[in-house]
Amino acid sequence: MTNSKLRFGFPLAVALATASAAAVAQQTTVSGDAQIKANVVESLDRHPELRAPNLITVQTRGGVVYLNGQVSAGQQSATAETVAEKTPGVTRVVNSISVSR
């Protein structure tokens, strides 16, 4: 009976520990992404040329920042990308900001 407990109990314990660690890692990433997003938005807000009537939205997943929206000049798109890249925790920036004419 002891062998069967070891045979089934140990793999179950390993599986539960792995699942728990994965859940904690995912929660850390989600909260880290939320903080990165907040920091990017705060940094963008420090640039008056990026405010209204321009519209830039920020999404973050796994440290990658996704910039979307519309600005009135190409330089504003480049500025937004540079600001996001310089934000701590950002691993990459995907710039999908369009320029209205």
N, C-alpha and C. Protein backbone atom coordinates (compact mmCIF):
# COMPACT_ATOMS: atom_id res chain seq x y z
N MET A 1 0.81 -1.18 0.00
CA MET A 1 0.00 0.00 0.00
C MET A 1 0.87 1.26 0.00
N THR A 2 1.99 1.25 0.67
CA THR A 2 2.86 2.40 0.73
C THR A 2 3.40 2.76 -0.64
N ASN A 3 3.77 1.74 -1.43
CA ASN A 3 4.27 2.01 -2.78
C ASN A 3 3.22 2.70 -3.64
N SER A 4 1.96 2.28 -3.53
CA SER A 4 0.93 2.90 -4.36
C SER A 4 0.67 4.33 -3.91
N LYS A 5 0.80 4.61 -2.62
CA LYS A 5 0.64 5.99 -2.14
C LYS A 5 1.74 6.87 -2.71
N LEU A 6 2.96 6.35 -2.73
CA LEU A 6 4.07 7.11 -3.29
C LEU A 6 3.91 7.28 -4.79
N ARG A 7 3.45 6.23 -5.43
CA ARG A 7 3.32 6.26 -6.88
C ARG A 7 2.29 7.30 -7.32
N PHE A 8 1.21 7.48 -6.57
CA PHE A 8 0.17 8.43 -6.96
C PHE A 8 0.25 9.75 -6.20
N GLY A 9 0.71 9.70 -4.98
CA GLY A 9 0.76 10.91 -4.15
C GLY A 9 1.83 11.89 -4.57
N PHE A 10 3.01 11.40 -4.88
CA PHE A 10 4.11 12.28 -5.25
C PHE A 10 3.83 13.04 -6.55
N PRO A 11 3.43 12.35 -7.63
CA PRO A 11 3.13 13.11 -8.85
C PRO A 11 2.00 14.13 -8.65
N LEU A 12 1.03 13.80 -7.84
CA LEU A 12 -0.06 14.73 -7.56
C LEU A 12 0.47 15.96 -6.83
N ALA A 13 1.34 15.75 -5.86
CA ALA A 13 1.93 16.87 -5.12
C ALA A 13 2.76 17.76 -6.05
N VAL A 14 3.50 17.16 -6.95
CA VAL A 14 4.31 17.92 -7.91
C VAL A 14 3.40 18.72 -8.83
N ALA A 15 2.34 18.11 -9.32
CA ALA A 15 1.41 18.80 -10.22
C ALA A 15 0.75 19.98 -9.53
N LEU A 16 0.34 19.80 -8.28
CA LEU A 16 -0.29 20.89 -7.54
C LEU A 16 0.70 22.02 -7.27
N ALA A 17 1.92 21.69 -6.93
CA ALA A 17 2.93 22.72 -6.70
C ALA A 17 3.23 23.49 -7.98
N THR A 18 3.31 22.80 -9.09
CA THR A 18 3.58 23.45 -10.38
C THR A 18 2.44 24.38 -10.76
N ALA A 19 1.21 23.92 -10.59
CA ALA A 19 0.04 24.74 -10.92
C ALA A 19 -0.01 25.98 -10.04
N SER A 20 0.31 25.82 -8.78
CA SER A 20 0.31 26.95 -7.85
C SER A 20 1.38 27.97 -8.24
N ALA A 21 2.56 27.50 -8.59
CA ALA A 21 3.65 28.40 -8.99
C ALA A 21 3.28 29.14 -10.28
N ALA A 22 2.63 28.45 -11.21
CA ALA A 22 2.22 29.09 -12.46
C ALA A 22 1.18 30.18 -12.20
N ALA A 23 0.26 29.91 -11.28
CA ALA A 23 -0.76 30.91 -10.96
C ALA A 23 -0.14 32.14 -10.32
N VAL A 24 0.83 31.96 -9.44
CA VAL A 24 1.50 33.09 -8.81
C VAL A 24 2.29 33.88 -9.85
N ALA A 25 2.96 33.19 -10.76
CA ALA A 25 3.73 33.87 -11.81
C ALA A 25 2.81 34.68 -12.70
N GLN A 26 1.65 34.11 -13.06
CA GLN A 26 0.71 34.84 -13.91
C GLN A 26 0.17 36.06 -13.19
N GLN A 27 -0.13 35.93 -11.91
CA GLN A 27 -0.64 37.06 -11.13
C GLN A 27 0.42 38.16 -11.05
N THR A 28 1.67 37.78 -10.87
CA THR A 28 2.76 38.74 -10.82
C THR A 28 2.88 39.47 -12.14
N THR A 29 2.77 38.75 -13.25
CA THR A 29 2.85 39.37 -14.57
C THR A 29 1.70 40.33 -14.79
N VAL A 30 0.49 39.93 -14.40
CA VAL A 30 -0.67 40.80 -14.58
C VAL A 30 -0.50 42.07 -13.77
N SER A 31 -0.11 41.96 -12.51
CA SER A 31 0.06 43.17 -11.71
C SER A 31 1.24 43.98 -12.20
N GLY A 32 2.29 43.32 -12.70
CA GLY A 32 3.42 44.03 -13.28
C GLY A 32 3.01 44.77 -14.54
N ASP A 33 2.19 44.14 -15.37
CA ASP A 33 1.70 44.79 -16.58
C ASP A 33 0.84 46.00 -16.24
N ALA A 34 0.01 45.88 -15.22
CA ALA A 34 -0.83 47.00 -14.81
C ALA A 34 0.03 48.18 -14.37
N GLN A 35 1.11 47.89 -13.65
CA GLN A 35 2.01 48.95 -13.19
C GLN A 35 2.76 49.58 -14.37
N ILE A 36 3.21 48.74 -15.30
CA ILE A 36 3.90 49.26 -16.49
C ILE A 36 2.96 50.16 -17.27
N LYS A 37 1.73 49.71 -17.47
CA LYS A 37 0.75 50.52 -18.21
C LYS A 37 0.54 51.86 -17.51
N ALA A 38 0.36 51.84 -16.20
CA ALA A 38 0.16 53.08 -15.45
C ALA A 38 1.36 54.01 -15.61
N ASN A 39 2.57 53.44 -15.57
CA ASN A 39 3.78 54.25 -15.73
C ASN A 39 3.90 54.84 -17.13
N VAL A 40 3.54 54.06 -18.16
CA VAL A 40 3.59 54.57 -19.53
C VAL A 40 2.57 55.69 -19.71
N VAL A 41 1.34 55.49 -19.22
CA VAL A 41 0.31 56.51 -19.34
C VAL A 41 0.75 57.79 -18.63
N GLU A 42 1.32 57.63 -17.44
CA GLU A 42 1.81 58.79 -16.69
C GLU A 42 2.91 59.52 -17.46
N SER A 43 3.82 58.77 -18.06
CA SER A 43 4.91 59.38 -18.84
C SER A 43 4.37 60.09 -20.07
N LEU A 44 3.41 59.49 -20.75
CA LEU A 44 2.81 60.12 -21.93
C LEU A 44 2.10 61.41 -21.55
N ASP A 45 1.46 61.42 -20.38
CA ASP A 45 0.74 62.61 -19.92
C ASP A 45 1.67 63.79 -19.65
N ARG A 46 2.95 63.53 -19.46
CA ARG A 46 3.91 64.60 -19.22
C ARG A 46 4.28 65.34 -20.51
N HIS A 47 3.78 64.87 -21.64
CA HIS A 47 4.07 65.47 -22.94
C HIS A 47 2.80 66.12 -23.47
N PRO A 48 2.71 67.45 -23.34
CA PRO A 48 1.50 68.16 -23.77
C PRO A 48 1.14 67.92 -25.23
N GLU A 49 2.13 67.71 -26.09
CA GLU A 49 1.86 67.50 -27.51
C GLU A 49 1.15 66.17 -27.79
N LEU A 50 1.11 65.29 -26.78
CA LEU A 50 0.45 63.99 -26.96
C LEU A 50 -0.97 63.97 -26.39
N ARG A 51 -1.36 65.05 -25.75
CA ARG A 51 -2.71 65.11 -25.16
C ARG A 51 -3.75 65.45 -26.22
N ALA A 52 -5.00 65.57 -25.79
CA ALA A 52 -6.12 65.87 -26.70
C ALA A 52 -5.77 67.05 -27.57
N PRO A 53 -6.15 67.01 -28.82
CA PRO A 53 -7.12 66.11 -29.44
C PRO A 53 -6.54 64.77 -29.88
N ASN A 54 -5.28 64.52 -29.62
CA ASN A 54 -4.69 63.22 -29.93
C ASN A 54 -5.30 62.17 -29.01
N LEU A 55 -5.35 60.95 -29.50
CA LEU A 55 -5.89 59.86 -28.70
C LEU A 55 -4.93 58.68 -28.77
N ILE A 56 -4.31 58.37 -27.64
CA ILE A 56 -3.39 57.24 -27.59
C ILE A 56 -3.86 56.32 -26.46
N THR A 57 -4.06 55.05 -26.80
CA THR A 57 -4.40 54.07 -25.77
C THR A 57 -3.19 53.15 -25.57
N VAL A 58 -3.08 52.64 -24.35
CA VAL A 58 -1.95 51.79 -23.97
C VAL A 58 -2.48 50.47 -23.44
N GLN A 59 -1.93 49.39 -23.94
CA GLN A 59 -2.19 48.06 -23.40
C GLN A 59 -0.84 47.40 -23.17
N THR A 60 -0.79 46.54 -22.16
CA THR A 60 0.47 45.88 -21.83
C THR A 60 0.22 44.40 -21.58
N ARG A 61 1.09 43.58 -22.13
CA ARG A 61 0.99 42.13 -21.88
C ARG A 61 2.40 41.56 -21.87
N GLY A 62 2.78 40.99 -20.74
CA GLY A 62 4.10 40.39 -20.63
C GLY A 62 5.24 41.37 -20.83
N GLY A 63 5.02 42.62 -20.42
CA GLY A 63 6.05 43.64 -20.57
C GLY A 63 6.07 44.32 -21.93
N VAL A 64 5.28 43.81 -22.87
CA VAL A 64 5.20 44.40 -24.21
C VAL A 64 4.09 45.45 -24.19
N VAL A 65 4.41 46.66 -24.61
CA VAL A 65 3.44 47.76 -24.63
C VAL A 65 2.91 47.92 -26.04
N TYR A 66 1.58 47.99 -26.14
CA TYR A 66 0.90 48.19 -27.41
C TYR A 66 0.29 49.58 -27.41
N LEU A 67 0.75 50.42 -28.33
CA LEU A 67 0.23 51.78 -28.46
C LEU A 67 -0.72 51.81 -29.65
N ASN A 68 -1.92 52.31 -29.43
CA ASN A 68 -2.93 52.44 -30.48
C ASN A 68 -3.51 53.83 -30.42
N GLY A 69 -4.16 54.23 -31.49
CA GLY A 69 -4.84 55.51 -31.48
C GLY A 69 -4.48 56.34 -32.68
N GLN A 70 -4.67 57.66 -32.51
CA GLN A 70 -4.47 58.57 -33.62
C GLN A 70 -3.86 59.88 -33.11
N VAL A 71 -2.90 60.38 -33.86
CA VAL A 71 -2.26 61.66 -33.56
C VAL A 71 -2.28 62.52 -34.82
N SER A 72 -1.96 63.80 -34.68
CA SER A 72 -2.02 64.70 -35.82
C SER A 72 -0.69 64.84 -36.57
N ALA A 73 0.39 64.31 -36.03
CA ALA A 73 1.70 64.41 -36.70
C ALA A 73 2.54 63.17 -36.41
N GLY A 74 3.34 62.81 -37.41
CA GLY A 74 4.19 61.63 -37.27
C GLY A 74 5.17 61.72 -36.12
N GLN A 75 5.66 62.92 -35.85
CA GLN A 75 6.61 63.10 -34.75
C GLN A 75 5.96 62.74 -33.41
N GLN A 76 4.66 62.97 -33.28
CA GLN A 76 3.97 62.63 -32.03
C GLN A 76 3.94 61.11 -31.83
N SER A 77 3.75 60.38 -32.90
CA SER A 77 3.78 58.92 -32.82
C SER A 77 5.16 58.44 -32.39
N ALA A 78 6.19 59.03 -32.98
CA ALA A 78 7.57 58.66 -32.63
C ALA A 78 7.88 59.02 -31.18
N THR A 79 7.39 60.18 -30.73
CA THR A 79 7.61 60.59 -29.34
C THR A 79 6.94 59.61 -28.38
N ALA A 80 5.71 59.23 -28.68
CA ALA A 80 4.99 58.28 -27.83
C ALA A 80 5.74 56.95 -27.73
N GLU A 81 6.26 56.49 -28.85
CA GLU A 81 7.01 55.23 -28.86
C GLU A 81 8.28 55.35 -28.03
N THR A 82 9.01 56.45 -28.18
CA THR A 82 10.25 56.66 -27.41
C THR A 82 9.96 56.73 -25.92
N VAL A 83 8.91 57.46 -25.56
CA VAL A 83 8.54 57.58 -24.14
C VAL A 83 8.21 56.20 -23.57
N ALA A 84 7.45 55.41 -24.31
CA ALA A 84 7.10 54.07 -23.82
C ALA A 84 8.33 53.19 -23.68
N GLU A 85 9.24 53.25 -24.66
CA GLU A 85 10.45 52.43 -24.62
C GLU A 85 11.31 52.73 -23.41
N LYS A 86 11.31 53.97 -22.96
CA LYS A 86 12.15 54.38 -21.83
C LYS A 86 11.53 54.07 -20.48
N THR A 87 10.30 53.57 -20.47
CA THR A 87 9.62 53.28 -19.21
C THR A 87 10.17 51.98 -18.62
N PRO A 88 10.54 51.99 -17.34
CA PRO A 88 11.07 50.77 -16.71
C PRO A 88 10.08 49.60 -16.81
N GLY A 89 10.63 48.43 -17.13
CA GLY A 89 9.84 47.22 -17.22
C GLY A 89 9.35 46.90 -18.62
N VAL A 90 9.41 47.87 -19.52
CA VAL A 90 8.97 47.66 -20.89
C VAL A 90 10.03 46.86 -21.64
N THR A 91 9.61 45.74 -22.23
CA THR A 91 10.55 44.91 -22.97
C THR A 91 10.51 45.20 -24.47
N ARG A 92 9.36 45.70 -24.94
CA ARG A 92 9.21 45.99 -26.36
C ARG A 92 7.99 46.89 -26.54
N VAL A 93 7.97 47.67 -27.61
CA VAL A 93 6.83 48.54 -27.91
C VAL A 93 6.34 48.22 -29.31
N VAL A 94 5.03 48.00 -29.43
CA VAL A 94 4.39 47.81 -30.72
C VAL A 94 3.58 49.07 -30.96
N ASN A 95 4.00 49.87 -31.94
CA ASN A 95 3.38 51.16 -32.21
C ASN A 95 2.42 51.02 -33.38
N SER A 96 1.12 51.11 -33.07
CA SER A 96 0.08 51.06 -34.10
C SER A 96 -0.69 52.37 -34.15
N ILE A 97 -0.02 53.45 -33.81
CA ILE A 97 -0.64 54.77 -33.83
C ILE A 97 -0.69 55.25 -35.27
N SER A 98 -1.86 55.72 -35.68
CA SER A 98 -1.98 56.27 -37.03
C SER A 98 -1.93 57.79 -36.98
N VAL A 99 -1.56 58.38 -38.10
CA VAL A 99 -1.45 59.84 -38.20
C VAL A 99 -2.61 60.34 -39.05
N SER A 100 -3.42 61.24 -38.48
CA SER A 100 -4.53 61.81 -39.24
C SER A 100 -4.02 63.01 -40.03
N ARG A 101 -4.58 63.24 -41.16
CA ARG A 101 -4.16 64.36 -42.02
C ARG A 101 -5.26 65.36 -42.14
